Each structure stands twice: as structure tokens, then as C-alpha cells.
Amino acid sequence: MAEFYVDTTAQSNGEHIVHNANCTLLPPKESIRYLGSIASCNSALKKAAEMFKPVNACPQCASACHTA
């Protein structure tokens, strides 16, 4: 299980990025929403998509789920 967060500020392409708690690219706490302790980045993306659309995984900390 890992702690996941979603960036509440969309990127220039409109995506909200999902990060794990240890990511060096994690935005400041004012700009993220806690998703929870989640088993996989795919599950974290699904939870983030309930709040924001579109979503994508961070290419650094969740590369297995990142789509280009």
C-alpha cells in the first residue's frame, strides 16, 4: 500500500496528476488532495477520476500507470 495524492491544479493539457507521497514532484500541500492508502496506482487513478477529469499518473513516481 502507498499513500497517493492528486494535484488539484490541472496541467496545461487539463490533466490532474496522481503522485505517491514520496515523489519529488509532489506539489505543495495547498495544491493536493489526499486519495488514501491505496494498493496500486491504477486504483489511485480510479479514485482521482471520481473527483477530477482527466487524470494521469506521474511519470516519475507512478510510471507503470502513466500514459503519454
PDB file of N, CA and C in Angstrom:
ATOM      1  N   MET A   1       0.850  -1.183   0.000  1.00  0.00           N
ATOM      2  CA  MET A   1       0.000   0.000   0.000  1.00  0.00           C
ATOM      3  C   MET A   1       0.895   1.245   0.000  1.00  0.00           C
ATOM      4  N   ALA A   2       0.436   2.239  -0.708  1.00  0.00           N
ATOM      5  CA  ALA A   2       1.158   3.508  -0.766  1.00  0.00           C
ATOM      6  C   ALA A   2       0.160   4.645  -0.574  1.00  0.00           C
ATOM      7  N   GLU A   3       0.666   5.762  -0.092  1.00  0.00           N
ATOM      8  CA  GLU A   3      -0.153   6.958   0.084  1.00  0.00           C
ATOM      9  C   GLU A   3      -0.157   7.717  -1.245  1.00  0.00           C
ATOM     10  N   PHE A   4      -1.337   8.034  -1.758  1.00  0.00           N
ATOM     11  CA  PHE A   4      -1.451   8.738  -3.029  1.00  0.00           C
ATOM     12  C   PHE A   4      -2.169  10.071  -2.858  1.00  0.00           C
ATOM     13  N   TYR A   5      -1.783  11.012  -3.717  1.00  0.00           N
ATOM     14  CA  TYR A   5      -2.365  12.350  -3.753  1.00  0.00           C
ATOM     15  C   TYR A   5      -2.654  12.722  -5.200  1.00  0.00           C
ATOM     16  N   VAL A   6      -3.614  13.612  -5.396  1.00  0.00           N
ATOM     17  CA  VAL A   6      -3.883  14.148  -6.728  1.00  0.00           C
ATOM     18  C   VAL A   6      -3.676  15.658  -6.691  1.00  0.00           C
ATOM     19  N   ASP A   7      -3.058  16.163  -7.731  1.00  0.00           N
ATOM     20  CA  ASP A   7      -2.841  17.602  -7.878  1.00  0.00           C
ATOM     21  C   ASP A   7      -4.182  18.252  -8.215  1.00  0.00           C
ATOM     22  N   THR A   8      -4.599  19.212  -7.417  1.00  0.00           N
ATOM     23  CA  THR A   8      -5.890  19.867  -7.651  1.00  0.00           C
ATOM     24  C   THR A   8      -5.808  20.922  -8.753  1.00  0.00           C
ATOM     25  N   THR A   9      -4.602  21.271  -9.154  1.00  0.00           N
ATOM     26  CA  THR A   9      -4.399  22.217 -10.247  1.00  0.00           C
ATOM     27  C   THR A   9      -4.086  21.435 -11.514  1.00  0.00           C
ATOM     28  N   ALA A  10      -4.869  21.633 -12.541  1.00  0.00           N
ATOM     29  CA  ALA A  10      -4.654  20.917 -13.799  1.00  0.00           C
ATOM     30  C   ALA A  10      -3.383  21.399 -14.492  1.00  0.00           C
ATOM     31  N   GLN A  11      -2.751  20.484 -15.205  1.00  0.00           N
ATOM     32  CA  GLN A  11      -1.607  20.814 -16.047  1.00  0.00           C
ATOM     33  C   GLN A  11      -2.113  21.595 -17.264  1.00  0.00           C
ATOM     34  N   SER A  12      -1.205  22.059 -18.100  1.00  0.00           N
ATOM     35  CA  SER A  12      -1.602  22.836 -19.282  1.00  0.00           C
ATOM     36  C   SER A  12      -2.477  22.029 -20.242  1.00  0.00           C
ATOM     37  N   ASN A  13      -2.364  20.697 -20.194  1.00  0.00           N
ATOM     38  CA  ASN A  13      -3.189  19.840 -21.057  1.00  0.00           C
ATOM     39  C   ASN A  13      -4.509  19.450 -20.385  1.00  0.00           C
ATOM     40  N   GLY A  14      -4.763  19.982 -19.195  1.00  0.00           N
ATOM     41  CA  GLY A  14      -6.009  19.717 -18.486  1.00  0.00           C
ATOM     42  C   GLY A  14      -5.966  18.561 -17.507  1.00  0.00           C
ATOM     43  N   GLU A  15      -4.879  17.792 -17.510  1.00  0.00           N
ATOM     44  CA  GLU A  15      -4.789  16.616 -16.640  1.00  0.00           C
ATOM     45  C   GLU A  15      -4.455  16.986 -15.195  1.00  0.00           C
ATOM     46  N   HIS A  16      -5.032  16.224 -14.281  1.00  0.00           N
ATOM     47  CA  HIS A  16      -4.686  16.285 -12.863  1.00  0.00           C
ATOM     48  C   HIS A  16      -3.794  15.077 -12.601  1.00  0.00           C
ATOM     49  N   ILE A  17      -2.624  15.312 -12.034  1.00  0.00           N
ATOM     50  CA  ILE A  17      -1.615  14.266 -11.897  1.00  0.00           C
ATOM     51  C   ILE A  17      -1.678  13.618 -10.520  1.00  0.00           C
ATOM     52  N   VAL A  18      -1.605  12.280 -10.528  1.00  0.00           N
ATOM     53  CA  VAL A  18      -1.597  11.482  -9.298  1.00  0.00           C
ATOM     54  C   VAL A  18      -0.147  11.165  -8.940  1.00  0.00           C
ATOM     55  N   HIS A  19       0.204  11.412  -7.673  1.00  0.00           N
ATOM     56  CA  HIS A  19       1.558  11.179  -7.160  1.00  0.00           C
ATOM     57  C   HIS A  19       1.489  10.300  -5.916  1.00  0.00           C
ATOM     58  N   ASN A  20       2.602   9.609  -5.624  1.00  0.00           N
ATOM     59  CA  ASN A  20       2.683   8.964  -4.315  1.00  0.00           C
ATOM     60  C   ASN A  20       3.351   9.935  -3.347  1.00  0.00           C
ATOM     61  N   ALA A  21       3.244   9.644  -2.076  1.00  0.00           N
ATOM     62  CA  ALA A  21       3.684  10.576  -1.032  1.00  0.00           C
ATOM     63  C   ALA A  21       5.175  10.876  -1.071  1.00  0.00           C
ATOM     64  N   ASN A  22       5.992   9.986  -1.624  1.00  0.00           N
ATOM     65  CA  ASN A  22       7.440  10.168  -1.635  1.00  0.00           C
ATOM     66  C   ASN A  22       7.962  10.822  -2.906  1.00  0.00           C
ATOM     67  N   CYS A  23       7.092  11.244  -3.777  1.00  0.00           N
ATOM     68  CA  CYS A  23       7.504  11.794  -5.070  1.00  0.00           C
ATOM     69  C   CYS A  23       8.187  13.149  -4.903  1.00  0.00           C
ATOM     70  N   THR A  24       9.293  13.326  -5.604  1.00  0.00           N
ATOM     71  CA  THR A  24       9.989  14.617  -5.563  1.00  0.00           C
ATOM     72  C   THR A  24       9.240  15.682  -6.357  1.00  0.00           C
ATOM     73  N   LEU A  25       8.288  15.271  -7.192  1.00  0.00           N
ATOM     74  CA  LEU A  25       7.488  16.218  -7.971  1.00  0.00           C
ATOM     75  C   LEU A  25       6.146  16.537  -7.318  1.00  0.00           C
ATOM     76  N   LEU A  26       5.911  16.022  -6.110  1.00  0.00           N
ATOM     77  CA  LEU A  26       4.652  16.266  -5.407  1.00  0.00           C
ATOM     78  C   LEU A  26       4.485  17.771  -5.166  1.00  0.00           C
ATOM     79  N   PRO A  27       3.377  18.341  -5.616  1.00  0.00           N
ATOM     80  CA  PRO A  27       3.145  19.780  -5.414  1.00  0.00           C
ATOM     81  C   PRO A  27       2.999  20.124  -3.929  1.00  0.00           C
ATOM     82  N   PRO A  28       3.007  21.415  -3.602  1.00  0.00           N
ATOM     83  CA  PRO A  28       2.827  21.828  -2.206  1.00  0.00           C
ATOM     84  C   PRO A  28       1.472  21.373  -1.663  1.00  0.00           C
ATOM     85  N   LYS A  29       1.397  21.243  -0.352  1.00  0.00           N
ATOM     86  CA  LYS A  29       0.192  20.690   0.282  1.00  0.00           C
ATOM     87  C   LYS A  29      -1.068  21.482  -0.040  1.00  0.00           C
ATOM     88  N   GLU A  30      -0.935  22.767  -0.364  1.00  0.00           N
ATOM     89  CA  GLU A  30      -2.099  23.577  -0.706  1.00  0.00           C
ATOM     90  C   GLU A  30      -2.702  23.171  -2.052  1.00  0.00           C
ATOM     91  N   SER A  31      -1.931  22.433  -2.853  1.00  0.00           N
ATOM     92  CA  SER A  31      -2.355  22.104  -4.218  1.00  0.00           C
ATOM     93  C   SER A  31      -2.650  20.627  -4.431  1.00  0.00           C
ATOM     94  N   ILE A  32      -2.758  19.861  -3.348  1.00  0.00           N
ATOM     95  CA  ILE A  32      -3.008  18.427  -3.497  1.00  0.00           C
ATOM     96  C   ILE A  32      -4.167  17.982  -2.612  1.00  0.00           C
ATOM     97  N   ARG A  33      -4.772  16.876  -3.004  1.00  0.00           N
ATOM     98  CA  ARG A  33      -5.833  16.258  -2.208  1.00  0.00           C
ATOM     99  C   ARG A  33      -5.421  14.811  -1.944  1.00  0.00           C
ATOM    100  N   TYR A  34      -5.538  14.410  -0.687  1.00  0.00           N
ATOM    101  CA  TYR A  34      -5.184  13.051  -0.283  1.00  0.00           C
ATOM    102  C   TYR A  34      -6.208  12.063  -0.829  1.00  0.00           C
ATOM    103  N   LEU A  35      -5.716  11.016  -1.485  1.00  0.00           N
ATOM    104  CA  LEU A  35      -6.591   9.975  -2.016  1.00  0.00           C
ATOM    105  C   LEU A  35      -6.705   8.792  -1.068  1.00  0.00           C
ATOM    106  N   GLY A  36      -5.658   8.549  -0.277  1.00  0.00           N
ATOM    107  CA  GLY A  36      -5.690   7.454   0.678  1.00  0.00           C
ATOM    108  C   GLY A  36      -4.515   6.516   0.516  1.00  0.00           C
ATOM    109  N   SER A  37      -4.509   5.495   1.357  1.00  0.00           N
ATOM    110  CA  SER A  37      -3.529   4.420   1.287  1.00  0.00           C
ATOM    111  C   SER A  37      -4.110   3.381   0.335  1.00  0.00           C
ATOM    112  N   ILE A  38      -3.506   3.269  -0.835  1.00  0.00           N
ATOM    113  CA  ILE A  38      -4.096   2.512  -1.938  1.00  0.00           C
ATOM    114  C   ILE A  38      -3.088   1.494  -2.459  1.00  0.00           C
ATOM    115  N   ALA A  39      -3.588   0.335  -2.867  1.00  0.00           N
ATOM    116  CA  ALA A  39      -2.739  -0.788  -3.265  1.00  0.00           C
ATOM    117  C   ALA A  39      -1.995  -0.570  -4.579  1.00  0.00           C
ATOM    118  N   SER A  40      -2.564   0.187  -5.510  1.00  0.00           N
ATOM    119  CA  SER A  40      -1.910   0.329  -6.817  1.00  0.00           C
ATOM    120  C   SER A  40      -2.179   1.709  -7.408  1.00  0.00           C
ATOM    121  N   CYS A  41      -1.321   2.083  -8.345  1.00  0.00           N
ATOM    122  CA  CYS A  41      -1.532   3.379  -8.998  1.00  0.00           C
ATOM    123  C   CYS A  41      -2.797   3.352  -9.854  1.00  0.00           C
ATOM    124  N   ASN A  42      -3.154   2.201 -10.407  1.00  0.00           N
ATOM    125  CA  ASN A  42      -4.405   2.120 -11.182  1.00  0.00           C
ATOM    126  C   ASN A  42      -5.615   2.414 -10.300  1.00  0.00           C
ATOM    127  N   SER A  43      -5.614   1.877  -9.093  1.00  0.00           N
ATOM    128  CA  SER A  43      -6.711   2.151  -8.159  1.00  0.00           C
ATOM    129  C   SER A  43      -6.717   3.617  -7.742  1.00  0.00           C
ATOM    130  N   ALA A  44      -5.537   4.195  -7.574  1.00  0.00           N
ATOM    131  CA  ALA A  44      -5.442   5.617  -7.225  1.00  0.00           C
ATOM    132  C   ALA A  44      -5.981   6.488  -8.359  1.00  0.00           C
ATOM    133  N   LEU A  45      -5.695   6.110  -9.597  1.00  0.00           N
ATOM    134  CA  LEU A  45      -6.216   6.858 -10.744  1.00  0.00           C
ATOM    135  C   LEU A  45      -7.740   6.805 -10.784  1.00  0.00           C
ATOM    136  N   LYS A  46      -8.300   5.637 -10.505  1.00  0.00           N
ATOM    137  CA  LYS A  46      -9.761   5.499 -10.498  1.00  0.00           C
ATOM    138  C   LYS A  46     -10.389   6.398  -9.440  1.00  0.00           C
ATOM    139  N   LYS A  47      -9.769   6.436  -8.261  1.00  0.00           N
ATOM    140  CA  LYS A  47     -10.302   7.279  -7.189  1.00  0.00           C
ATOM    141  C   LYS A  47     -10.179   8.757  -7.559  1.00  0.00           C
ATOM    142  N   ALA A  48      -9.044   9.142  -8.134  1.00  0.00           N
ATOM    143  CA  ALA A  48      -8.846  10.536  -8.539  1.00  0.00           C
ATOM    144  C   ALA A  48      -9.848  10.942  -9.617  1.00  0.00           C
ATOM    145  N   ALA A  49     -10.188  10.009 -10.510  1.00  0.00           N
ATOM    146  CA  ALA A  49     -11.131  10.295 -11.596  1.00  0.00           C
ATOM    147  C   ALA A  49     -12.547  10.537 -11.081  1.00  0.00           C
ATOM    148  N   GLU A  50     -12.829  10.124  -9.847  1.00  0.00           N
ATOM    149  CA  GLU A  50     -14.128  10.425  -9.242  1.00  0.00           C
ATOM    150  C   GLU A  50     -14.236  11.908  -8.884  1.00  0.00           C
ATOM    151  N   MET A  51     -13.076  12.577  -8.747  1.00  0.00           N
ATOM    152  CA  MET A  51     -13.035  13.988  -8.357  1.00  0.00           C
ATOM    153  C   MET A  51     -12.659  14.918  -9.502  1.00  0.00           C
ATOM    154  N   PHE A  52     -11.760  14.450 -10.363  1.00  0.00           N
ATOM    155  CA  PHE A  52     -11.215  15.279 -11.440  1.00  0.00           C
ATOM    156  C   PHE A  52     -11.156  14.470 -12.729  1.00  0.00           C
ATOM    157  N   LYS A  53     -11.310  15.167 -13.852  1.00  0.00           N
ATOM    158  CA  LYS A  53     -11.117  14.548 -15.165  1.00  0.00           C
ATOM    159  C   LYS A  53     -10.499  15.590 -16.078  1.00  0.00           C
ATOM    160  N   PRO A  54      -9.563  15.184 -16.887  1.00  0.00           N
ATOM    161  CA  PRO A  54      -8.902  13.891 -16.937  1.00  0.00           C
ATOM    162  C   PRO A  54      -7.815  13.781 -15.871  1.00  0.00           C
ATOM    163  N   VAL A  55      -7.390  12.559 -15.601  1.00  0.00           N
ATOM    164  CA  VAL A  55      -6.299  12.305 -14.661  1.00  0.00           C
ATOM    165  C   VAL A  55      -5.230  11.469 -15.355  1.00  0.00           C
ATOM    166  N   ASN A  56      -4.021  11.559 -14.826  1.00  0.00           N
ATOM    167  CA  ASN A  56      -2.911  10.751 -15.315  1.00  0.00           C
ATOM    168  C   ASN A  56      -1.971  10.528 -14.145  1.00  0.00           C
ATOM    169  N   ALA A  57      -1.135   9.520 -14.265  1.00  0.00           N
ATOM    170  CA  ALA A  57      -0.156   9.216 -13.223  1.00  0.00           C
ATOM    171  C   ALA A  57       1.138   9.971 -13.493  1.00  0.00           C
ATOM    172  N   CYS A  58       1.829  10.306 -12.437  1.00  0.00           N
ATOM    173  CA  CYS A  58       3.121  10.975 -12.545  1.00  0.00           C
ATOM    174  C   CYS A  58       4.110  10.055 -13.270  1.00  0.00           C
ATOM    175  N   PRO A  59       4.831  10.578 -14.263  1.00  0.00           N
ATOM    176  CA  PRO A  59       5.786   9.732 -14.976  1.00  0.00           C
ATOM    177  C   PRO A  59       6.987   9.336 -14.120  1.00  0.00           C
ATOM    178  N   GLN A  60       7.208  10.054 -13.031  1.00  0.00           N
ATOM    179  CA  GLN A  60       8.353   9.735 -12.173  1.00  0.00           C
ATOM    180  C   GLN A  60       8.005   8.713 -11.097  1.00  0.00           C
ATOM    181  N   CYS A  61       6.956   8.952 -10.340  1.00  0.00           N
ATOM    182  CA  CYS A  61       6.676   8.089  -9.184  1.00  0.00           C
ATOM    183  C   CYS A  61       5.640   7.005  -9.462  1.00  0.00           C
ATOM    184  N   ALA A  62       4.918   7.111 -10.562  1.00  0.00           N
ATOM    185  CA  ALA A  62       3.891   6.114 -10.904  1.00  0.00           C
ATOM    186  C   ALA A  62       3.967   5.792 -12.393  1.00  0.00           C
ATOM    187  N   SER A  63       5.179   5.562 -12.861  1.00  0.00           N
ATOM    188  CA  SER A  63       5.405   5.375 -14.297  1.00  0.00           C
ATOM    189  C   SER A  63       4.656   4.180 -14.873  1.00  0.00           C
ATOM    190  N   ALA A  64       4.369   3.173 -14.057  1.00  0.00           N
ATOM    191  CA  ALA A  64       3.650   1.993 -14.545  1.00  0.00           C
ATOM    192  C   ALA A  64       2.243   2.348 -15.015  1.00  0.00           C
ATOM    193  N   CYS A  65       1.690   3.439 -14.512  1.00  0.00           N
ATOM    194  CA  CYS A  65       0.320   3.841 -14.855  1.00  0.00           C
ATOM    195  C   CYS A  65       0.266   5.094 -15.719  1.00  0.00           C
ATOM    196  N   HIS A  66       1.414   5.697 -15.973  1.00  0.00           N
ATOM    197  CA  HIS A  66       1.450   6.935 -16.761  1.00  0.00           C
ATOM    198  C   HIS A  66       1.157   6.642 -18.225  1.00  0.00           C
ATOM    199  N   THR A  67       0.308   7.469 -18.824  1.00  0.00           N
ATOM    200  CA  THR A  67       0.065   7.368 -20.263  1.00  0.00           C
ATOM    201  C   THR A  67       0.558   8.641 -20.926  1.00  0.00           C
ATOM    202  N   ALA A  68       1.259   8.466 -22.022  1.00  0.00           N
ATOM    203  CA  ALA A  68       1.850   9.615 -22.725  1.00  0.00           C
ATOM    204  C   ALA A  68       0.826  10.341 -23.561  1.00  0.00           C
TER     205      ALA A  68
END
